[in-house]
Amino acid sequence: MSGLLALPIALPIGAAAVSIVVGRWRAAQRVIGVVTLVALVADAAVLLARADSDGAVVGQAGGWEAPFGITLVADRLSAVLLLASLATLLAVLVYAIGQGGVERNHVGFHPVYLTLTAGVSAAFLTGDLFNMFVSFEVMLTSSYVLLTLGGRRDQVRTGMTYVVISLVASVLFLTALGLIYSSAGTVNLADLATRFTQLPVGERQALALLVLVVFGIKAAVFPLFFWLPDSYPTAPTAVTAVFAGLLTKVGVYAIIRTQTVLLPPGDRPQVLLLSVAAATMLIGVLGAIAQNDIKRILSFHIVSQIGYMVMGLGFFTVAGLGGAVFFVVHQIITKTTLFLAGGLVEHRTGTGNLDRLGGLVRTAPAAAVLFLVPALSLAGIPPFSGFIGKFALIDAGLDDGWWGVVAVSLLASLLTLFSMTKIWAGAFWGEAEPVGPGHRLPGLMVGATAALTALGLAVAIFAGPLYALSERAADDMLQGTVYVQAVLGR
């Protein structure tokens, strides 16, 4: 089983190397990429089934026992997020192949995309902070290349902003690693769960706060989100969709993992997290309302929806954290689908500016349907998965008496519905606007978007089992001892 743990990291790296060798044959690159991701989705499904039935799957690289070696762990939390992420990466790759553009014109697209896949997988599976740092650096390097493919001036400018902010976060992360190792003598997460409790209260709270800032930048929480709305919209649609659906969610995963593992219940920064969550929800959605371009509206919504996930963590209850896990899965799929649907609009009309759009419900009905379903889910309209996730989070907040943050979440949800209505009225309703020469929507682009839309509907249909799994994952994290025993055997 330890081979299955290494596969999501090793296979895409090996496939990336082969993809470089066959770079002159784009068809070969496409086959390598799709086959690799299909295999990884199957592997992640097996890991999730094993983690849920038998407990966390743990592997020790080179046979070195934890905490001395490199530990890979697939528990319920990491396995379910890994499966959702790999399924999304597969759909987006198919979309990119159908779209052409950078995928067709740049030999490096497939190798870099596969390297990004390895970085995402490693971030979910690693059992220590140092290799989490390495995983983030792999994602940073790959994402910078993908952001700037095409070489347009606006891409390079916004890509530099992304890199500078990410490098600042990396320096802070490396500083935090040094301080944690100096204080606790380890960076293994399971070992830290025990040793952190032996540190003075002020010291462990300061270290945990530094880690929260580092991952807060990666997750784009308030007030550390300013880099995101300008960086994502300039990239090609497939790249933007991957970043929107995955990269910030990896940051959220890291926040959830470290805040539950490193700190005992009495030291967890509950008020701080809930305050950050409320501000993130509200500022993000207000920024979305002020925009007039589909990609920029959706980019601000990335920020706003992160607030709901942090809110669920901030409750530090099984119901709240379970709702957060469910909501992360929902957002990985829904947010990616929305950006792909927005890409269909741009491909059909040549623009995403709402002032230049109109009547697409008649001229591009497929794009209209594929946008409407995830948009309603994002706004929390029943019976879609967004409603189920938000209902679970609000119910958990009301049970614990957190009326203020619940009220903010409801207001943010109403404003989200308003902004989705703004896109619908501007792009899909009304009279058709005369734009540039229209392009037919390629079947692969429509098919990939439809597949993710169907997956989002499946999350709603099977919300009961998925939420039960999310609660089991939350219970494991809040207990703490489950993770430690799986890794250290004690």
Protein backbone atom coordinates (compact mmCIF):
# COMPACT_ATOMS: atom_id res chain seq x y z
CA MET A 1 0.00 0.00 0.00
CA SER A 2 2.94 2.37 0.54
CA GLY A 3 3.55 2.19 -3.22
CA LEU A 4 0.10 3.68 -3.78
CA LEU A 5 1.11 6.56 -1.49
CA ALA A 6 4.20 7.38 -3.51
CA LEU A 7 2.47 7.02 -6.88
CA PRO A 8 0.70 10.44 -6.93
CA ILE A 9 4.11 12.08 -6.47
CA ALA A 10 6.47 9.82 -8.40
CA LEU A 11 4.29 9.02 -11.41
CA PRO A 12 3.62 12.61 -12.58
CA ILE A 13 7.30 13.52 -12.13
CA GLY A 14 8.35 10.54 -14.24
CA ALA A 15 5.61 11.30 -16.77
CA ALA A 16 6.80 14.92 -16.96
CA ALA A 17 10.31 13.72 -17.83
CA VAL A 18 8.97 11.44 -20.57
CA SER A 19 6.76 14.26 -21.83
CA ILE A 20 9.85 16.44 -22.31
CA VAL A 21 11.57 13.69 -24.31
CA VAL A 22 8.58 13.36 -26.68
CA GLY A 23 8.06 17.10 -26.83
CA ARG A 24 7.97 17.20 -30.63
CA TRP A 25 4.90 14.95 -30.67
CA ARG A 26 2.03 16.77 -29.04
CA ALA A 27 -0.28 13.76 -29.38
CA ALA A 28 2.15 11.67 -27.35
CA GLN A 29 2.30 14.35 -24.66
CA ARG A 30 -1.49 14.41 -24.47
CA VAL A 31 -1.74 10.64 -24.12
CA ILE A 32 0.91 10.64 -21.39
CA GLY A 33 -0.84 13.41 -19.46
CA VAL A 34 -4.34 11.95 -19.66
CA VAL A 35 -3.28 8.37 -18.89
CA THR A 36 -1.20 9.55 -15.94
CA LEU A 37 -4.06 11.49 -14.41
CA VAL A 38 -6.58 8.68 -14.99
CA ALA A 39 -4.22 6.32 -13.14
CA LEU A 40 -3.80 8.83 -10.31
CA VAL A 41 -7.56 9.29 -9.90
CA ALA A 42 -7.92 5.51 -9.55
CA ASP A 43 -5.03 5.43 -7.09
CA ALA A 44 -6.57 8.21 -4.98
CA ALA A 45 -9.92 6.41 -4.92
CA VAL A 46 -8.24 3.27 -3.56
CA LEU A 47 -6.38 5.32 -0.93
CA LEU A 48 -9.61 6.99 0.18
CA ALA A 49 -11.44 3.69 0.47
CA ARG A 50 -8.58 2.19 2.47
CA ALA A 51 -8.22 5.24 4.74
CA ASP A 52 -11.92 5.31 5.50
CA SER A 53 -12.28 1.60 6.18
CA ASP A 54 -8.97 0.71 7.87
CA GLY A 55 -7.54 4.01 9.07
CA ALA A 56 -4.78 6.24 7.75
CA VAL A 57 -2.42 4.74 5.17
CA VAL A 58 1.17 5.50 6.21
CA GLY A 59 4.40 5.00 4.30
CA GLN A 60 7.99 5.61 5.41
CA ALA A 61 10.40 6.47 2.60
CA GLY A 62 13.51 4.30 2.55
CA GLY A 63 12.29 2.33 5.54
CA TRP A 64 13.26 5.09 7.97
CA GLU A 65 10.73 5.13 10.78
CA ALA A 66 9.02 8.36 11.77
CA PRO A 67 9.95 10.91 12.90
CA PHE A 68 13.42 10.48 11.36
CA GLY A 69 12.50 9.77 7.74
CA ILE A 70 10.11 11.14 5.14
CA THR A 71 6.57 10.16 6.04
CA LEU A 72 3.64 10.01 3.64
CA VAL A 73 0.13 9.87 5.12
CA ALA A 74 -3.26 9.45 3.49
CA ASP A 75 -5.94 9.88 6.13
CA ARG A 76 -9.59 10.68 5.44
CA LEU A 77 -8.92 14.42 5.07
CA SER A 78 -5.94 14.25 2.72
CA ALA A 79 -7.37 11.35 0.69
CA VAL A 80 -10.74 12.97 -0.08
CA LEU A 81 -9.10 16.26 -1.05
CA LEU A 82 -6.51 14.42 -3.16
CA LEU A 83 -9.24 12.56 -5.05
CA ALA A 84 -11.24 15.74 -5.73
CA SER A 85 -8.09 17.58 -6.83
CA LEU A 86 -6.88 14.88 -9.22
CA ALA A 87 -10.33 14.52 -10.79
CA THR A 88 -10.34 18.27 -11.35
CA LEU A 89 -6.82 18.25 -12.82
CA LEU A 90 -7.89 15.53 -15.25
CA ALA A 91 -10.95 17.46 -16.43
CA VAL A 92 -8.97 20.68 -16.87
CA LEU A 93 -6.28 18.90 -18.88
CA VAL A 94 -8.92 17.56 -21.27
CA TYR A 95 -10.37 21.09 -21.50
CA ALA A 96 -6.93 22.54 -22.29
CA ILE A 97 -6.38 19.96 -25.04
CA GLY A 98 -9.70 20.95 -26.59
CA GLN A 99 -8.98 24.65 -26.31
CA GLY A 100 -5.54 24.55 -27.88
CA GLY A 101 -3.75 27.84 -27.35
CA VAL A 102 -0.88 27.48 -24.89
CA GLU A 103 -1.33 23.71 -24.70
CA ARG A 104 -0.82 23.43 -28.46
CA ASN A 105 1.81 26.14 -28.87
CA HIS A 106 4.15 25.50 -25.92
CA VAL A 107 6.09 22.28 -25.57
CA GLY A 108 6.46 22.87 -21.83
CA PHE A 109 2.77 22.93 -20.94
CA HIS A 110 2.33 19.21 -20.29
CA PRO A 111 5.57 18.66 -18.33
CA VAL A 112 4.90 21.69 -16.14
CA TYR A 113 1.26 20.68 -15.64
CA LEU A 114 2.35 17.22 -14.50
CA THR A 115 4.94 18.74 -12.18
CA LEU A 116 2.21 20.90 -10.66
CA THR A 117 0.17 17.73 -10.16
CA ALA A 118 3.07 16.18 -8.25
CA GLY A 119 3.38 19.27 -6.04
CA VAL A 120 -0.34 19.29 -5.21
CA SER A 121 -0.29 15.57 -4.41
CA ALA A 122 2.80 15.88 -2.23
CA ALA A 123 1.29 18.76 -0.27
CA PHE A 124 -1.72 16.62 0.65
CA LEU A 125 0.26 13.47 1.45
CA THR A 126 3.37 14.70 3.23
CA GLY A 127 3.61 14.06 6.94
CA ASP A 128 6.16 16.74 7.84
CA LEU A 129 6.44 20.50 7.50
CA PHE A 130 9.73 20.53 5.59
CA ASN A 131 8.39 18.42 2.74
CA MET A 132 5.25 20.51 2.77
CA PHE A 133 7.56 23.46 2.14
CA VAL A 134 9.17 21.57 -0.74
CA SER A 135 5.73 20.77 -2.15
CA PHE A 136 4.71 24.42 -2.09
CA GLU A 137 7.93 25.36 -3.88
CA VAL A 138 7.25 22.80 -6.59
CA MET A 139 3.77 24.30 -7.01
CA LEU A 140 5.21 27.83 -7.03
CA THR A 141 7.75 27.06 -9.76
CA SER A 142 5.20 25.27 -11.93
CA SER A 143 2.47 27.84 -11.41
CA TYR A 144 4.74 30.74 -12.35
CA VAL A 145 5.57 29.07 -15.66
CA LEU A 146 1.90 28.34 -16.34
CA LEU A 147 0.87 31.88 -15.39
CA THR A 148 3.24 33.44 -17.91
CA LEU A 149 2.81 31.02 -20.82
CA GLY A 150 2.15 33.17 -23.84
CA GLY A 151 4.49 35.92 -22.69
CA ARG A 152 2.01 38.80 -22.79
CA ARG A 153 3.14 41.86 -20.87
CA ASP A 154 0.16 41.78 -18.48
CA GLN A 155 0.82 38.11 -17.75
CA VAL A 156 4.46 38.74 -16.89
CA ARG A 157 3.59 41.76 -14.73
CA THR A 158 0.93 39.99 -12.69
CA GLY A 159 3.01 36.83 -12.64
CA MET A 160 5.86 38.76 -11.03
CA THR A 161 3.47 40.00 -8.34
CA TYR A 162 2.44 36.40 -7.69
CA VAL A 163 6.06 35.24 -7.50
CA VAL A 164 7.21 38.05 -5.20
CA ILE A 165 4.37 37.44 -2.74
CA SER A 166 4.92 33.68 -2.90
CA LEU A 167 8.65 34.12 -2.25
CA VAL A 168 7.90 36.29 0.78
CA ALA A 169 5.62 33.54 2.05
CA SER A 170 8.36 30.99 1.36
CA VAL A 171 10.90 32.97 3.37
CA LEU A 172 8.44 33.19 6.25
CA PHE A 173 7.75 29.47 5.95
CA LEU A 174 11.46 28.62 6.04
CA THR A 175 11.88 30.92 9.05
CA ALA A 176 9.00 29.19 10.80
CA LEU A 177 10.55 25.80 10.05
CA GLY A 178 13.83 26.85 11.61
CA LEU A 179 12.14 28.23 14.71
CA ILE A 180 9.94 25.17 15.12
CA TYR A 181 12.86 22.78 14.74
CA SER A 182 14.91 24.84 17.17
CA SER A 183 12.12 24.75 19.75
CA ALA A 184 10.70 21.25 19.30
CA GLY A 185 13.55 19.32 17.67
CA THR A 186 11.34 17.94 14.89
CA VAL A 187 9.23 18.97 11.91
CA ASN A 188 7.26 15.73 11.67
CA LEU A 189 3.60 16.68 12.20
CA ALA A 190 2.72 13.66 14.34
CA ASP A 191 5.80 14.17 16.51
CA LEU A 192 5.04 17.89 16.80
CA ALA A 193 1.57 17.06 18.11
CA THR A 194 3.27 15.65 21.20
CA ARG A 195 6.26 17.97 21.53
CA PHE A 196 4.35 21.21 20.97
CA THR A 197 2.37 20.67 24.15
CA GLN A 198 5.66 20.67 26.08
CA LEU A 199 6.62 24.16 24.92
CA PRO A 200 5.70 27.29 26.89
CA VAL A 201 2.21 28.52 25.96
CA GLY A 202 3.38 31.83 24.52
CA GLU A 203 6.07 30.18 22.40
CA ARG A 204 3.80 27.59 20.81
CA GLN A 205 1.10 30.18 20.16
CA ALA A 206 3.61 32.50 18.47
CA LEU A 207 4.91 29.67 16.27
CA ALA A 208 1.39 28.60 15.36
CA LEU A 209 0.49 32.20 14.49
CA LEU A 210 3.54 32.46 12.20
CA VAL A 211 2.50 29.26 10.44
CA LEU A 212 -1.04 30.63 10.13
CA VAL A 213 0.30 33.78 8.42
CA VAL A 214 2.35 31.69 5.99
CA PHE A 215 -0.54 29.50 4.95
CA GLY A 216 -2.93 32.47 5.12
CA ILE A 217 -0.98 34.01 2.24
CA LYS A 218 -1.22 30.75 0.29
CA ALA A 219 -4.96 30.49 1.00
CA ALA A 220 -5.60 34.21 0.25
CA VAL A 221 -7.42 35.07 3.48
CA PHE A 222 -8.04 38.66 4.56
CA PRO A 223 -5.88 40.77 4.65
CA LEU A 224 -3.36 38.62 2.74
CA PHE A 225 -5.38 38.13 -0.45
CA PHE A 226 -4.43 41.27 -2.40
CA TRP A 227 -2.16 39.40 -4.83
CA LEU A 228 -4.85 37.02 -6.13
CA PRO A 229 -7.45 39.09 -8.08
CA ASP A 230 -4.79 40.57 -10.36
CA SER A 231 -2.72 37.41 -10.83
CA TYR A 232 -5.31 34.85 -11.91
CA PRO A 233 -7.48 36.59 -14.58
CA THR A 234 -4.61 37.22 -17.01
CA ALA A 235 -3.62 33.55 -17.32
CA PRO A 236 -5.08 31.15 -19.91
CA THR A 237 -8.48 29.78 -18.87
CA ALA A 238 -7.32 26.25 -18.10
CA VAL A 239 -4.49 27.56 -15.93
CA THR A 240 -6.77 30.00 -14.11
CA ALA A 241 -9.29 27.21 -13.47
CA VAL A 242 -6.66 24.97 -11.87
CA PHE A 243 -5.35 27.80 -9.70
CA ALA A 244 -8.86 28.85 -8.67
CA GLY A 245 -9.96 25.35 -7.80
CA LEU A 246 -6.81 23.96 -6.19
CA LEU A 247 -3.97 26.19 -5.09
CA THR A 248 -5.78 28.24 -2.45
CA LYS A 249 -7.46 25.04 -1.21
CA VAL A 250 -4.04 23.50 -0.60
CA GLY A 251 -3.37 26.51 1.61
CA VAL A 252 -6.65 25.92 3.46
CA TYR A 253 -5.73 22.26 3.92
CA ALA A 254 -2.39 23.30 5.43
CA ILE A 255 -4.16 25.69 7.83
CA ILE A 256 -6.59 22.98 8.93
CA ARG A 257 -3.86 20.39 9.37
CA THR A 258 -1.46 22.59 11.34
CA GLN A 259 -4.03 24.32 13.54
CA THR A 260 -5.55 21.01 14.63
CA VAL A 261 -2.26 19.12 15.01
CA LEU A 262 0.03 21.71 16.55
CA LEU A 263 -2.21 23.29 19.17
CA PRO A 264 -4.13 21.69 22.01
CA PRO A 265 -7.81 22.74 22.29
CA GLY A 266 -7.23 25.50 24.83
CA ASP A 267 -4.63 27.29 22.70
CA ARG A 268 -6.43 27.38 19.36
CA PRO A 269 -7.03 30.94 18.05
CA GLN A 270 -10.79 30.60 17.70
CA VAL A 271 -11.75 34.28 17.85
CA LEU A 272 -8.94 35.27 15.48
CA LEU A 273 -9.89 32.64 12.90
CA LEU A 274 -13.58 33.54 13.00
CA SER A 275 -12.78 37.25 12.67
CA VAL A 276 -10.54 36.53 9.68
CA ALA A 277 -13.26 34.32 8.20
CA ALA A 278 -15.92 37.02 8.50
CA ALA A 279 -13.68 39.69 6.95
CA THR A 280 -12.61 37.34 4.13
CA MET A 281 -16.19 36.46 3.23
CA LEU A 282 -17.38 40.06 3.22
CA ILE A 283 -14.42 41.83 1.58
CA GLY A 284 -14.15 39.17 -1.11
CA VAL A 285 -17.78 39.34 -2.17
CA LEU A 286 -17.83 43.16 -2.10
CA GLY A 287 -14.80 43.13 -4.40
CA ALA A 288 -16.64 40.76 -6.74
CA ILE A 289 -19.67 43.03 -6.96
CA ALA A 290 -17.46 45.96 -7.98
CA GLN A 291 -16.02 44.11 -11.01
CA ASN A 292 -17.33 43.99 -14.57
CA ASP A 293 -15.36 41.08 -16.01
CA ILE A 294 -16.34 37.44 -15.52
CA LYS A 295 -12.85 36.24 -14.55
CA ARG A 296 -12.30 39.11 -12.10
CA ILE A 297 -15.70 38.57 -10.47
CA LEU A 298 -14.94 34.88 -10.03
CA SER A 299 -11.42 35.64 -8.77
CA PHE A 300 -12.79 37.76 -5.93
CA HIS A 301 -15.22 34.96 -5.15
CA ILE A 302 -12.26 32.64 -4.61
CA VAL A 303 -11.34 34.90 -1.69
CA SER A 304 -14.89 35.15 -0.36
CA GLN A 305 -15.50 31.40 -0.35
CA ILE A 306 -12.25 30.74 1.51
CA GLY A 307 -13.87 32.58 4.42
CA TYR A 308 -16.52 29.85 4.78
CA MET A 309 -13.82 27.19 5.08
CA VAL A 310 -11.92 29.14 7.72
CA MET A 311 -15.20 29.73 9.57
CA GLY A 312 -15.82 25.99 9.80
CA LEU A 313 -12.31 25.45 11.14
CA GLY A 314 -12.74 28.28 13.62
CA PHE A 315 -15.64 26.55 15.34
CA PHE A 316 -13.30 23.63 16.23
CA THR A 317 -16.23 21.25 16.46
CA VAL A 318 -16.91 18.05 14.54
CA ALA A 319 -19.93 19.65 12.86
CA GLY A 320 -18.06 22.83 11.94
CA LEU A 321 -14.88 21.17 10.72
CA GLY A 322 -16.88 18.49 8.92
CA GLY A 323 -18.80 21.23 7.14
CA ALA A 324 -15.51 22.90 6.21
CA VAL A 325 -14.14 19.68 4.69
CA PHE A 326 -17.35 19.16 2.71
CA PHE A 327 -17.23 22.79 1.57
CA VAL A 328 -13.62 22.48 0.39
CA VAL A 329 -14.55 19.49 -1.78
CA HIS A 330 -17.55 21.40 -3.15
CA GLN A 331 -15.42 24.47 -3.90
CA ILE A 332 -12.63 22.56 -5.67
CA ILE A 333 -15.19 21.27 -8.16
CA THR A 334 -17.57 24.22 -8.37
CA LYS A 335 -15.00 26.98 -8.65
CA THR A 336 -13.07 25.12 -11.34
CA THR A 337 -16.29 24.51 -13.28
CA LEU A 338 -17.22 28.19 -13.15
CA PHE A 339 -13.88 29.27 -14.60
CA LEU A 340 -14.16 26.65 -17.35
CA ALA A 341 -17.67 27.89 -18.16
CA GLY A 342 -16.34 31.45 -18.21
CA GLY A 343 -13.68 30.24 -20.63
CA LEU A 344 -16.42 28.89 -22.90
CA VAL A 345 -17.94 32.37 -22.97
CA GLU A 346 -14.59 33.95 -23.87
CA HIS A 347 -13.90 31.34 -26.54
CA ARG A 348 -17.33 31.91 -28.09
CA THR A 349 -17.31 35.72 -27.98
CA GLY A 350 -13.68 36.78 -27.57
CA THR A 351 -14.33 38.72 -24.35
CA GLY A 352 -15.39 38.35 -20.74
CA ASN A 353 -16.41 41.99 -20.30
CA LEU A 354 -20.07 42.13 -19.29
CA ASP A 355 -20.60 45.43 -21.13
CA ARG A 356 -19.80 43.68 -24.42
CA LEU A 357 -21.84 40.53 -23.83
CA GLY A 358 -25.49 39.57 -23.98
CA GLY A 359 -27.95 37.01 -25.27
CA LEU A 360 -25.69 33.98 -24.84
CA VAL A 361 -28.57 31.91 -23.53
CA ARG A 362 -29.75 31.85 -27.16
CA THR A 363 -26.46 31.97 -29.06
CA ALA A 364 -24.50 29.61 -26.77
CA PRO A 365 -27.05 27.62 -24.72
CA ALA A 366 -24.49 24.97 -23.70
CA ALA A 367 -22.27 27.59 -22.09
CA ALA A 368 -25.32 29.10 -20.38
CA VAL A 369 -26.40 25.82 -18.78
CA LEU A 370 -22.87 24.89 -17.77
CA PHE A 371 -22.46 28.27 -16.08
CA LEU A 372 -25.88 28.36 -14.41
CA VAL A 373 -25.57 25.11 -12.45
CA PRO A 374 -22.28 25.87 -10.64
CA ALA A 375 -23.30 29.53 -10.23
CA LEU A 376 -26.43 28.50 -8.32
CA SER A 377 -24.33 26.11 -6.27
CA LEU A 378 -21.79 28.84 -5.47
CA ALA A 379 -24.61 31.13 -4.31
CA GLY A 380 -25.96 28.40 -2.01
CA ILE A 381 -29.27 27.76 -3.75
CA PRO A 382 -30.91 24.43 -2.85
CA PRO A 383 -30.61 21.59 -3.70
CA PHE A 384 -27.03 22.12 -4.92
CA SER A 385 -23.90 21.22 -2.96
CA GLY A 386 -23.17 24.85 -2.06
CA PHE A 387 -26.43 25.04 -0.13
CA ILE A 388 -25.65 21.83 1.73
CA GLY A 389 -22.18 23.00 2.68
CA LYS A 390 -23.33 26.44 3.81
CA PHE A 391 -26.27 24.99 5.73
CA ALA A 392 -23.93 22.64 7.60
CA LEU A 393 -21.58 25.51 8.49
CA ILE A 394 -24.38 27.85 9.57
CA ASP A 395 -26.02 25.12 11.64
CA ALA A 396 -22.71 24.41 13.38
CA GLY A 397 -22.26 28.13 14.10
CA LEU A 398 -25.75 28.53 15.52
CA ASP A 399 -25.29 25.50 17.75
CA ASP A 400 -22.20 27.13 19.29
CA GLY A 401 -23.73 30.60 19.52
CA TRP A 402 -21.49 32.36 16.99
CA TRP A 403 -24.27 34.64 15.78
CA GLY A 404 -22.06 37.40 14.37
CA VAL A 405 -20.02 35.30 11.95
CA VAL A 406 -23.15 33.39 10.91
CA ALA A 407 -24.89 36.68 10.08
CA VAL A 408 -21.89 37.73 7.96
CA SER A 409 -21.94 34.40 6.13
CA LEU A 410 -25.62 34.82 5.29
CA LEU A 411 -25.03 38.36 4.03
CA ALA A 412 -22.08 37.19 1.93
CA SER A 413 -24.24 34.43 0.47
CA LEU A 414 -26.92 36.93 -0.57
CA LEU A 415 -24.30 39.18 -2.15
CA THR A 416 -22.85 36.17 -3.95
CA LEU A 417 -26.26 35.47 -5.44
CA PHE A 418 -26.44 39.12 -6.53
CA SER A 419 -23.06 38.95 -8.28
CA MET A 420 -23.99 35.70 -10.04
CA THR A 421 -27.22 37.38 -11.17
CA LYS A 422 -25.08 40.25 -12.47
CA ILE A 423 -23.10 37.86 -14.67
CA TRP A 424 -26.24 36.08 -15.84
CA ALA A 425 -28.03 39.32 -16.73
CA GLY A 426 -24.97 40.83 -18.42
CA ALA A 427 -23.67 37.84 -20.37
CA PHE A 428 -26.54 35.45 -20.94
CA TRP A 429 -29.75 37.50 -20.80
CA GLY A 430 -30.86 40.43 -22.94
CA GLU A 431 -30.06 41.12 -26.56
CA ALA A 432 -27.08 39.56 -28.25
CA GLU A 433 -24.19 42.02 -28.46
CA PRO A 434 -22.12 42.35 -31.65
CA VAL A 435 -18.68 41.02 -30.68
CA GLY A 436 -15.75 39.67 -32.61
CA PRO A 437 -16.10 36.69 -34.92
CA GLY A 438 -17.64 33.85 -32.94
CA HIS A 439 -15.93 30.50 -32.57
CA ARG A 440 -17.64 27.15 -32.25
CA LEU A 441 -17.16 25.54 -28.87
CA PRO A 442 -14.87 22.48 -29.19
CA GLY A 443 -16.40 19.24 -27.96
CA LEU A 444 -13.57 18.53 -25.51
CA MET A 445 -14.02 21.92 -23.82
CA VAL A 446 -17.77 21.43 -23.47
CA GLY A 447 -17.37 17.78 -22.44
CA ALA A 448 -14.80 18.53 -19.73
CA THR A 449 -16.95 21.33 -18.31
CA ALA A 450 -20.04 19.10 -18.44
CA ALA A 451 -18.15 16.31 -16.64
CA LEU A 452 -17.19 18.64 -13.79
CA THR A 453 -20.75 19.98 -13.67
CA ALA A 454 -22.00 16.41 -13.34
CA LEU A 455 -19.43 15.76 -10.62
CA GLY A 456 -20.71 18.81 -8.75
CA LEU A 457 -24.26 17.46 -9.02
CA ALA A 458 -23.00 14.10 -7.76
CA VAL A 459 -21.60 15.82 -4.66
CA ALA A 460 -25.12 17.12 -3.96
CA ILE A 461 -26.81 13.80 -4.70
CA PHE A 462 -24.43 11.86 -2.48
CA ALA A 463 -24.11 14.63 0.09
CA GLY A 464 -25.16 12.31 2.92
CA PRO A 465 -22.29 9.82 2.60
CA LEU A 466 -19.80 12.56 1.74
CA TYR A 467 -20.76 14.69 4.72
CA ALA A 468 -20.56 11.63 6.98
CA LEU A 469 -17.05 11.02 5.65
CA SER A 470 -16.22 14.68 6.27
CA GLU A 471 -17.39 14.40 9.87
CA ARG A 472 -15.29 11.30 10.40
CA ALA A 473 -12.30 13.18 9.03
CA ALA A 474 -13.08 16.10 11.34
CA ASP A 475 -13.38 13.81 14.34
CA ASP A 476 -9.98 12.28 13.55
CA MET A 477 -8.36 15.72 13.37
CA LEU A 478 -9.92 17.08 16.53
CA GLN A 479 -9.00 13.98 18.51
CA GLY A 480 -5.39 14.29 17.36
CA THR A 481 -4.37 10.93 18.76
CA VAL A 482 -5.67 9.09 15.67
CA TYR A 483 -3.13 10.78 13.39
CA VAL A 484 -0.29 10.39 15.90
CA GLN A 485 -0.95 6.70 16.47
CA ALA A 486 -1.14 6.00 12.75
CA VAL A 487 2.21 7.67 12.06
CA LEU A 488 4.21 6.93 15.19
CA GLY A 489 2.46 3.78 16.34
CA ARG A 490 1.99 5.12 19.84
